[in-house]
Structure formats: structure tokens, C-alpha cells
């Protein structure tokens, strides 16, 4: 991103995707992250065994390695509860 001229010091929303084997799990995860202050979107996903994608968008944040890693770990732990 930086090599393409993107100023990584500027806050921006960040998207994280998680795929699920069931619609119920995807919706439950989306409700959970919504309650945690994220903005989720559930969509069909064309992957055998994981037909549902939940894209989770953060608020505007500076995309540091620490922020991205912490958010990935937090969302992964929550996603694991739903499939």
C-alpha cells in the first residue's frame, strides 16, 4: 500500500473477512461483532464447505501492524465460537 503512495499514517476503516459453513453461524457472528461496535455484512460466498462470508468493518483506525494483528485475533476468536 505504501509503495503505491498510500499514507499509512491516515486513519481508515479496515475490512476483515470470515467464512462460515452455515447461515446461522454467519448471522450469529455478525450479531456478535455488531454488538461489539463493528459493522458486519453477511454475503453468499462461492467456496465449497463455507458458503457464507461475513465482512467486518472497523471504524477509522491507523492501520498499524499491532492494530491489524490484534483485530484479526479478536475476530478469529469470536468467529471460532460460531463455526
Protein backbone atom coordinates (compact mmCIF):
# COMPACT_ATOMS: atom_id res chain seq x y z
CA UNK A 1 0.00 0.00 0.00
CA UNK A 2 2.75 2.42 0.96
CA UNK A 3 4.65 1.56 -2.24
CA UNK A 4 1.59 2.76 -4.17
CA UNK A 5 1.63 6.13 -2.39
CA UNK A 6 -0.91 5.35 0.34
CA UNK A 7 -0.21 7.31 3.55
CA UNK A 8 -0.44 4.59 6.20
CA UNK A 9 -0.48 7.20 8.97
CA UNK A 10 -4.03 8.21 7.98
CA UNK A 11 -6.96 6.57 9.78
CA UNK A 12 -9.27 4.49 7.62
CA UNK A 13 -11.91 1.78 8.04
CA UNK A 14 -10.46 -1.72 7.77
CA UNK A 15 -12.24 -4.83 6.46
CA UNK A 16 -11.77 -8.33 7.83
CA UNK A 17 -13.47 -11.39 6.32
CA UNK A 18 -14.52 -14.65 7.95
CA UNK A 19 -16.22 -17.55 6.19
CA UNK A 20 -18.75 -19.91 7.73
CA UNK A 21 -20.23 -23.30 6.89
CA UNK A 22 -23.76 -22.30 7.94
CA UNK A 23 -26.00 -19.29 7.53
CA UNK A 24 -26.91 -19.50 11.21
CA UNK A 25 -23.27 -19.28 12.28
CA UNK A 26 -22.60 -16.36 9.96
CA UNK A 27 -25.61 -14.45 11.26
CA UNK A 28 -24.76 -15.19 14.91
CA UNK A 29 -21.19 -13.96 14.37
CA UNK A 30 -22.47 -10.83 12.60
CA UNK A 31 -24.77 -10.06 15.51
CA UNK A 32 -21.93 -10.54 17.97
CA UNK A 33 -19.49 -8.23 16.17
CA UNK A 34 -22.25 -5.66 15.65
CA UNK A 35 -22.80 -5.65 19.43
CA UNK A 36 -19.02 -5.10 19.82
CA UNK A 37 -19.17 -1.95 17.68
CA UNK A 38 -18.10 -3.32 14.29
CA UNK A 39 -20.12 -3.13 11.05
CA UNK A 40 -20.73 -6.62 9.62
CA UNK A 41 -22.16 -7.64 6.23
CA UNK A 42 -23.21 -11.24 5.54
CA UNK A 43 -22.96 -12.40 1.91
CA UNK A 44 -23.03 -15.66 0.00
CA UNK A 45 -19.53 -16.94 -0.73
CA UNK A 46 -18.54 -19.31 -3.51
CA UNK A 47 -16.36 -21.75 -1.58
CA UNK A 48 -17.29 -25.40 -1.04
CA UNK A 49 -17.98 -26.02 2.63
CA UNK A 50 -18.00 -22.33 3.51
CA UNK A 51 -20.85 -20.71 1.58
CA UNK A 52 -21.19 -17.61 3.81
CA UNK A 53 -18.82 -14.67 4.22
CA UNK A 54 -19.05 -12.05 6.93
CA UNK A 55 -17.07 -8.90 6.14
CA UNK A 56 -16.44 -6.94 9.32
CA UNK A 57 -15.55 -3.26 9.00
CA UNK A 58 -13.87 -1.32 11.79
CA UNK A 59 -14.19 2.35 12.50
CA UNK A 60 -11.47 4.63 11.11
CA UNK A 61 -8.16 3.49 12.57
CA UNK A 62 -4.48 3.88 11.70
CA UNK A 63 -3.54 0.54 10.09
CA UNK A 64 -0.58 -0.43 12.25
CA UNK A 65 0.68 -3.99 12.36
CA UNK A 66 -0.30 -4.19 16.03
CA UNK A 67 -3.85 -2.99 15.33
CA UNK A 68 -4.35 -5.35 12.41
CA UNK A 69 -2.96 -8.35 14.31
CA UNK A 70 -4.97 -7.63 17.46
CA UNK A 71 -8.17 -7.17 15.47
CA UNK A 72 -7.59 -10.35 13.45
CA UNK A 73 -7.00 -12.34 16.65
CA UNK A 74 -10.06 -10.87 18.38
CA UNK A 75 -12.36 -11.53 15.43
CA UNK A 76 -10.91 -15.01 14.87
CA UNK A 77 -11.63 -15.94 18.48
CA UNK A 78 -15.22 -14.73 18.13
CA UNK A 79 -15.68 -16.44 14.75
CA UNK A 80 -14.47 -19.72 16.21
CA UNK A 81 -17.48 -19.74 18.53
CA UNK A 82 -19.85 -19.85 15.54
CA UNK A 83 -18.21 -22.25 13.14
